[in-house]
Amino acid sequence: MTELDRYSRQILFKPIGEEGQRKLLKSRAVIVGMGALGTVIANHLVRSGVGHVRMIDRDLVELSNLQRQSLYDEDDASNQLPKVIAAEKKLKKINSTVKIDSIIADLNLDNAEELLAGFDVIVDGTDNFSTRYLINDVSVKLDIPWVYGGAVSSRGMYAVIIPGKTPCYRCLFPEVPAGLGETCDTIGVLSPLTDIIGSFEAIEAVKLLVGAEHNPNLEQLDIWYQSSLQMDISEGRNPQCPTCGQHQFEFLDLSSNQQIAYAVLCGRDTVQINPRNVKQFDLTELAKKLKLSGLEKVKVNPFLLRFSPDDKVSMVFFKDGRVLIHGVEDITEAKMYYSRYLGS
């Protein structure tokens, strides 16, 4: 069996062919967010033979994820595995020839350029606006195309963004929306929708990697009410756009305060605290400290530590300094729990 045999049905598709497949094998894609969209995207890119796939995600698998996040199972939730670790285990069984790079991290202005640099395409699996503006800044600054996608309730959209050729994300959405707006936490999301939008994102990424023409539209669809809208954005670049027009990368500016240290996460009552310039946690020492303070329900694995200070709240500590506080949605209350157990 040759290297190309596993992709024989894909090679038979003439717009890809053997030449396109060889391009895929040499290509590098990075997926930001390994929730519902990210798992679909990663599954397709790995099966398609993209040579190097990096996955970036800050969260761990929970039971409520399994309704729509297709790479995870009940064991992953029970073992509280980080999403990228659980995904990597599955994907390596699907295609062991692909280099899979798993990064447990919150993409922010301190690490975004380092984590996204050197890839041929960035694919959006996120669930929040601020991260997309950050991706857009890196995309334009480093001249890396990216595929935007979003899904909530029964509605989804996606678009391809190529620096210097198409409008950037900030051309399309000039202002960061105030507040959270509609999210899966408030109005839910359908599993078939995330499959559809993630699949469209994956195929647009493949088009970019093989050098084919991308979809020039901002595509919107509603799978429940069977409606769709195509908006041609190919001529939509704004010369006055702060990002692609003036090359002012506000979301990468360390003085701009754009990084969100406190964020309410989509899908559940959870606040993430991501302090700037924090040293990495020694999870073993932290576990000892918590147990000495009288907290017996402390669980630790190589990736994270979890404990419940009371019946309402649980806290998850990652080695990179982040903390997820489950059971609260008020940032002030989250800060209280944080300072109570970390002293700052």
Protein backbone atom coordinates (compact mmCIF):
# COMPACT_ATOMS: atom_id res chain seq x y z
CA MET A 1 0.00 0.00 0.00
CA THR A 2 1.39 3.39 -0.96
CA GLU A 3 1.10 6.65 0.95
CA LEU A 4 -1.70 7.79 -1.36
CA ASP A 5 -3.83 4.63 -1.32
CA ARG A 6 -5.90 5.66 1.70
CA TYR A 7 -6.92 8.82 -0.19
CA SER A 8 -7.85 7.05 -3.44
CA ARG A 9 -11.49 8.16 -3.42
CA GLN A 10 -10.49 11.74 -2.74
CA ILE A 11 -7.88 11.63 -5.51
CA LEU A 12 -10.56 10.46 -7.95
CA PHE A 13 -12.25 13.82 -7.43
CA LYS A 14 -10.62 15.75 -10.28
CA PRO A 15 -10.42 19.20 -8.65
CA ILE A 16 -8.10 17.59 -6.06
CA GLY A 17 -6.43 14.73 -7.91
CA GLU A 18 -3.00 13.37 -7.05
CA GLU A 19 -1.34 16.78 -7.27
CA GLY A 20 -3.81 18.29 -4.82
CA GLN A 21 -3.45 15.36 -2.48
CA ARG A 22 0.31 15.78 -2.40
CA LYS A 23 -0.21 19.45 -1.54
CA LEU A 24 -2.48 18.45 1.34
CA LEU A 25 0.12 16.03 2.69
CA LYS A 26 2.63 18.89 2.87
CA SER A 27 0.21 21.45 4.30
CA ARG A 28 -0.30 22.79 7.81
CA ALA A 29 -3.65 23.77 9.34
CA VAL A 30 -4.43 25.13 12.80
CA ILE A 31 -7.88 24.88 14.40
CA VAL A 32 -8.79 27.32 17.15
CA GLY A 33 -11.43 25.81 19.42
CA MET A 34 -12.22 22.11 19.69
CA GLY A 35 -15.90 22.24 20.53
CA ALA A 36 -18.71 21.33 18.15
CA LEU A 37 -17.26 23.05 15.08
CA GLY A 38 -13.66 22.19 15.86
CA THR A 39 -14.27 18.47 16.23
CA VAL A 40 -16.00 18.31 12.85
CA ILE A 41 -13.25 20.34 11.20
CA ALA A 42 -10.44 18.28 12.74
CA ASN A 43 -12.10 15.01 11.79
CA HIS A 44 -12.36 16.03 8.13
CA LEU A 45 -8.89 17.56 7.84
CA VAL A 46 -7.19 14.54 9.40
CA ARG A 47 -9.14 12.10 7.26
CA SER A 48 -8.35 14.22 4.18
CA GLY A 49 -4.62 13.93 4.82
CA VAL A 50 -3.63 17.43 5.85
CA GLY A 51 -0.05 16.74 6.89
CA HIS A 52 0.11 18.75 10.11
CA VAL A 53 -2.94 19.69 12.17
CA ARG A 54 -2.62 21.80 15.30
CA MET A 55 -5.57 22.01 17.69
CA ILE A 56 -5.88 24.76 20.31
CA ASP A 57 -8.51 24.67 23.07
CA ARG A 58 -8.78 25.80 26.67
CA ASP A 59 -11.51 23.50 27.95
CA LEU A 60 -12.16 19.95 29.13
CA VAL A 61 -14.79 17.45 28.02
CA GLU A 62 -18.10 17.52 29.90
CA LEU A 63 -21.24 15.43 29.54
CA SER A 64 -23.22 18.32 28.02
CA ASN A 65 -20.69 18.47 25.16
CA LEU A 66 -21.58 15.01 23.84
CA GLN A 67 -24.84 16.16 22.22
CA ARG A 68 -22.84 17.87 19.46
CA GLN A 69 -19.06 17.49 19.90
CA SER A 70 -18.46 14.45 17.75
CA LEU A 71 -14.97 13.29 18.76
CA TYR A 72 -15.76 12.81 22.45
CA ASP A 73 -17.46 10.10 24.48
CA GLU A 74 -18.63 9.42 28.03
CA ASP A 75 -15.22 8.13 29.11
CA ASP A 76 -13.62 11.42 28.07
CA ALA A 77 -16.15 13.32 30.17
CA SER A 78 -15.78 10.98 33.14
CA ASN A 79 -11.99 11.30 33.04
CA GLN A 80 -12.20 15.09 32.65
CA LEU A 81 -9.80 15.07 29.73
CA PRO A 82 -8.84 18.31 28.01
CA LYS A 83 -10.62 18.43 24.68
CA VAL A 84 -7.47 18.52 22.58
CA ILE A 85 -6.08 15.44 24.36
CA ALA A 86 -9.31 13.48 23.88
CA ALA A 87 -9.47 14.58 20.25
CA GLU A 88 -5.86 13.62 19.60
CA LYS A 89 -6.45 10.10 20.94
CA LYS A 90 -9.34 9.58 18.52
CA LEU A 91 -7.69 11.23 15.52
CA LYS A 92 -4.47 9.24 15.79
CA LYS A 93 -6.54 6.07 15.46
CA ILE A 94 -8.18 7.51 12.35
CA ASN A 95 -4.98 8.59 10.57
CA SER A 96 -1.67 7.86 12.24
CA THR A 97 0.29 9.45 9.37
CA VAL A 98 -0.87 12.98 10.18
CA LYS A 99 1.16 15.03 12.63
CA ILE A 100 -1.27 16.14 15.32
CA ASP A 101 -0.22 18.95 17.63
CA SER A 102 -2.40 19.46 20.72
CA ILE A 103 -2.18 22.75 22.61
CA ILE A 104 -4.05 23.16 25.90
CA ALA A 105 -4.30 26.94 26.01
CA ASP A 106 -6.56 29.92 25.76
CA LEU A 107 -5.67 31.83 22.58
CA ASN A 108 -4.97 35.39 23.68
CA LEU A 109 -2.90 38.39 22.71
CA ASP A 110 0.12 37.06 24.58
CA ASN A 111 0.37 33.80 22.63
CA ALA A 112 -1.69 34.15 19.42
CA GLU A 113 1.12 35.04 17.03
CA GLU A 114 3.38 32.28 18.35
CA LEU A 115 0.65 29.61 18.18
CA LEU A 116 -0.69 30.55 14.73
CA ALA A 117 2.52 31.49 12.91
CA GLY A 118 3.82 29.15 10.22
CA PHE A 119 0.50 27.56 9.29
CA ASP A 120 -1.06 27.66 5.84
CA VAL A 121 -4.61 28.18 7.06
CA ILE A 122 -6.40 28.99 10.31
CA VAL A 123 -9.85 27.46 10.85
CA ASP A 124 -12.32 28.92 13.33
CA GLY A 125 -13.90 26.56 15.83
CA THR A 126 -14.51 29.20 18.48
CA ASP A 127 -17.70 30.38 20.12
CA ASN A 128 -16.87 34.02 20.88
CA PHE A 129 -16.31 37.28 19.04
CA SER A 130 -13.18 38.46 20.84
CA THR A 131 -11.14 35.45 19.76
CA ARG A 132 -12.22 35.93 16.14
CA TYR A 133 -11.01 39.54 16.13
CA LEU A 134 -7.73 38.29 17.56
CA ILE A 135 -7.45 35.60 14.85
CA ASN A 136 -8.20 38.26 12.25
CA ASP A 137 -5.38 40.49 13.51
CA VAL A 138 -2.91 37.60 13.31
CA SER A 139 -4.23 36.59 9.89
CA VAL A 140 -3.69 40.04 8.40
CA LYS A 141 -0.39 40.71 10.17
CA LEU A 142 1.16 37.36 9.21
CA ASP A 143 -0.64 37.00 5.85
CA ILE A 144 -2.37 33.72 6.72
CA PRO A 145 -5.84 32.99 5.26
CA TRP A 146 -8.53 31.81 7.63
CA VAL A 147 -12.02 30.34 7.52
CA TYR A 148 -14.62 31.91 9.80
CA GLY A 149 -17.62 29.94 11.04
CA GLY A 150 -20.30 30.31 13.67
CA ALA A 151 -23.33 28.31 14.78
CA VAL A 152 -26.06 28.94 17.33
CA SER A 153 -29.61 27.66 17.67
CA SER A 154 -30.52 26.48 14.14
CA ARG A 155 -28.55 29.22 12.35
CA GLY A 156 -25.01 29.22 11.05
CA MET A 157 -22.66 31.15 8.80
CA TYR A 158 -19.18 30.92 7.35
CA ALA A 159 -16.80 32.86 5.12
CA VAL A 160 -13.26 32.67 3.76
CA ILE A 161 -10.91 35.53 4.63
CA ILE A 162 -7.72 35.99 2.61
CA PRO A 163 -5.51 38.96 3.56
CA GLY A 164 -5.07 41.39 0.69
CA LYS A 165 -7.73 39.70 -1.42
CA THR A 166 -11.01 39.55 0.50
CA PRO A 167 -12.47 41.79 3.19
CA CYS A 168 -11.14 40.87 6.61
CA TYR A 169 -13.39 39.96 9.51
CA ARG A 170 -13.36 43.54 10.79
CA CYS A 171 -14.45 44.82 7.38
CA LEU A 172 -17.49 42.57 7.70
CA PHE A 173 -18.10 43.22 11.41
CA PRO A 174 -16.49 46.59 12.25
CA GLU A 175 -17.50 46.75 15.92
CA VAL A 176 -17.16 44.10 18.60
CA PRO A 177 -20.74 43.28 19.66
CA ALA A 178 -21.64 44.51 23.12
CA GLY A 179 -22.38 41.73 25.60
CA LEU A 180 -22.73 38.07 24.78
CA GLY A 181 -25.80 38.31 22.55
CA GLU A 182 -27.41 35.03 21.57
CA THR A 183 -25.26 32.06 22.50
CA CYS A 184 -25.70 28.33 22.90
CA ASP A 185 -25.97 29.05 26.62
CA THR A 186 -29.12 31.12 26.12
CA ILE A 187 -30.86 29.63 23.07
CA GLY A 188 -29.12 26.29 22.47
CA VAL A 189 -27.66 24.76 19.31
CA LEU A 190 -28.54 21.82 17.08
CA SER A 191 -25.98 19.09 16.44
CA PRO A 192 -26.69 18.75 12.69
CA LEU A 193 -26.04 22.48 12.30
CA THR A 194 -22.54 22.25 13.75
CA ASP A 195 -21.84 19.25 11.50
CA ILE A 196 -22.93 21.24 8.44
CA ILE A 197 -21.07 24.48 9.23
CA GLY A 198 -17.94 22.62 10.35
CA SER A 199 -17.98 20.57 7.15
CA PHE A 200 -18.27 23.70 5.01
CA GLU A 201 -15.36 25.24 6.91
CA ALA A 202 -13.28 22.10 6.38
CA ILE A 203 -13.89 21.99 2.62
CA GLU A 204 -13.05 25.69 2.26
CA ALA A 205 -9.80 25.03 4.13
CA VAL A 206 -9.04 22.14 1.76
CA LYS A 207 -9.71 24.42 -1.24
CA LEU A 208 -7.23 26.94 0.09
CA LEU A 209 -4.61 24.26 0.72
CA VAL A 210 -4.83 22.75 -2.78
CA GLY A 211 -4.98 26.16 -4.49
CA ALA A 212 -8.59 25.93 -5.68
CA GLU A 213 -11.02 28.86 -5.86
CA HIS A 214 -12.73 29.54 -2.56
CA ASN A 215 -16.38 30.43 -2.02
CA PRO A 216 -16.61 34.24 -2.41
CA ASN A 217 -19.77 34.52 -0.29
CA LEU A 218 -20.66 35.02 3.32
CA GLU A 219 -23.03 32.06 3.60
CA GLN A 220 -25.88 32.01 6.08
CA LEU A 221 -28.39 29.22 6.64
CA ASP A 222 -31.09 28.04 9.01
CA ILE A 223 -31.54 24.27 9.06
CA TRP A 224 -34.80 24.29 11.04
CA TYR A 225 -36.68 26.82 8.94
CA GLN A 226 -34.94 25.79 5.70
CA SER A 227 -33.71 29.20 4.68
CA SER A 228 -30.38 30.36 3.27
CA LEU A 229 -28.71 33.59 2.19
CA GLN A 230 -25.63 34.17 0.05
CA MET A 231 -23.89 37.53 0.27
CA ASP A 232 -21.06 38.17 -2.21
CA ILE A 233 -18.33 39.85 -0.16
CA SER A 234 -15.56 39.71 -2.76
CA GLU A 235 -15.68 43.50 -3.25
CA GLY A 236 -16.31 44.33 0.37
CA ARG A 237 -12.88 45.47 1.51
CA ASN A 238 -12.98 48.71 3.48
CA PRO A 239 -9.94 50.96 2.78
CA GLN A 240 -10.54 52.59 6.16
CA CYS A 241 -10.63 49.30 8.05
CA PRO A 242 -8.31 49.64 11.09
CA THR A 243 -7.00 46.11 10.57
CA CYS A 244 -6.50 45.40 6.85
CA GLY A 245 -6.70 49.02 5.66
CA GLN A 246 -4.49 50.75 8.23
CA HIS A 247 -2.65 47.75 9.74
CA GLN A 248 -3.49 48.73 13.28
CA PHE A 249 -3.62 45.47 15.18
CA GLU A 250 -5.63 46.58 18.18
CA PHE A 251 -6.36 43.07 19.38
CA LEU A 252 -2.64 42.25 19.47
CA ASP A 253 -1.67 45.50 21.18
CA LEU A 254 -0.49 44.77 24.71
CA SER A 255 -1.59 48.27 25.75
CA SER A 256 -5.08 47.99 24.28
CA ASN A 257 -6.58 45.93 27.12
CA GLN A 258 -8.44 43.84 24.55
CA GLN A 259 -7.55 40.58 26.27
CA ILE A 260 -10.47 39.38 28.34
CA ALA A 261 -9.18 38.23 31.69
CA TYR A 262 -12.68 37.27 32.82
CA ALA A 263 -15.00 35.61 30.30
CA VAL A 264 -18.37 33.87 30.64
CA LEU A 265 -18.14 30.68 28.58
CA CYS A 266 -20.78 29.47 26.14
CA GLY A 267 -22.86 26.44 27.03
CA ARG A 268 -22.97 26.49 30.82
CA ASP A 269 -22.69 28.67 33.94
CA THR A 270 -18.90 29.05 33.87
CA VAL A 271 -16.45 31.93 34.19
CA GLN A 272 -12.90 31.62 32.89
CA ILE A 273 -10.22 33.62 34.67
CA ASN A 274 -7.07 34.09 32.60
CA PRO A 275 -4.72 36.45 34.45
CA ARG A 276 -1.88 38.14 32.56
CA ASN A 277 1.72 37.03 33.18
CA VAL A 278 0.80 34.36 35.72
CA LYS A 279 3.31 31.62 36.43
CA GLN A 280 2.32 28.06 35.62
CA PHE A 281 0.60 26.09 38.35
CA ASP A 282 2.34 23.18 40.01
CA LEU A 283 -0.78 21.03 40.15
CA THR A 284 0.67 18.55 42.63
CA GLU A 285 1.60 21.28 45.09
CA LEU A 286 -1.74 22.99 44.59
CA ALA A 287 -3.54 19.73 45.36
CA LYS A 288 -1.58 19.38 48.60
CA LYS A 289 -2.41 22.97 49.56
CA LEU A 290 -6.12 22.48 48.95
CA LYS A 291 -6.24 19.21 50.89
CA LEU A 292 -4.44 20.80 53.82
CA SER A 293 -7.11 23.51 53.87
CA GLY A 294 -9.73 20.81 54.46
CA LEU A 295 -10.89 20.20 50.88
CA GLU A 296 -10.95 16.45 50.32
CA LYS A 297 -12.67 16.31 46.91
CA VAL A 298 -9.57 17.20 44.92
CA LYS A 299 -8.92 15.36 41.65
CA VAL A 300 -5.71 15.85 39.68
CA ASN A 301 -4.35 14.43 36.43
CA PRO A 302 -1.32 15.46 34.31
CA PHE A 303 -3.32 18.23 32.66
CA LEU A 304 -5.59 19.81 35.27
CA LEU A 305 -6.83 19.87 38.85
CA ARG A 306 -10.48 19.96 39.83
CA PHE A 307 -12.17 20.43 43.20
CA SER A 308 -15.51 21.56 44.60
CA PRO A 309 -15.37 24.17 47.35
CA ASP A 310 -19.12 23.69 47.92
CA ASP A 311 -22.14 21.88 46.47
CA LYS A 312 -22.76 24.65 43.95
CA VAL A 313 -19.33 25.40 42.50
CA SER A 314 -16.43 23.45 41.05
CA MET A 315 -13.09 24.92 40.02
CA VAL A 316 -10.71 23.63 37.35
CA PHE A 317 -7.07 24.74 37.35
CA PHE A 318 -4.90 24.31 34.23
CA LYS A 319 -1.11 24.31 34.26
CA ASP A 320 -0.98 27.50 32.18
CA GLY A 321 -2.57 29.52 35.01
CA ARG A 322 -6.16 29.56 33.79
CA VAL A 323 -9.07 28.71 36.08
CA LEU A 324 -12.59 27.67 35.11
CA ILE A 325 -15.20 28.30 37.78
CA HIS A 326 -18.30 26.21 37.10
CA GLY A 327 -21.60 27.04 38.74
CA VAL A 328 -21.33 30.82 38.53
CA GLU A 329 -22.01 33.32 35.77
CA ASP A 330 -21.30 36.50 37.71
CA ILE A 331 -17.71 37.68 37.28
CA THR A 332 -17.62 39.31 40.72
CA GLU A 333 -18.61 36.04 42.35
CA ALA A 334 -16.00 34.19 40.27
CA LYS A 335 -13.30 36.62 41.42
CA MET A 336 -14.32 35.93 45.01
CA TYR A 337 -13.77 32.20 44.61
CA TYR A 338 -10.51 32.79 42.78
CA SER A 339 -8.99 35.02 45.45
CA ARG A 340 -10.30 32.79 48.25
CA TYR A 341 -8.25 29.83 47.05
CA LEU A 342 -5.31 31.48 45.30
CA GLY A 343 -4.82 34.51 47.54
CA SER A 344 -4.85 37.09 44.74
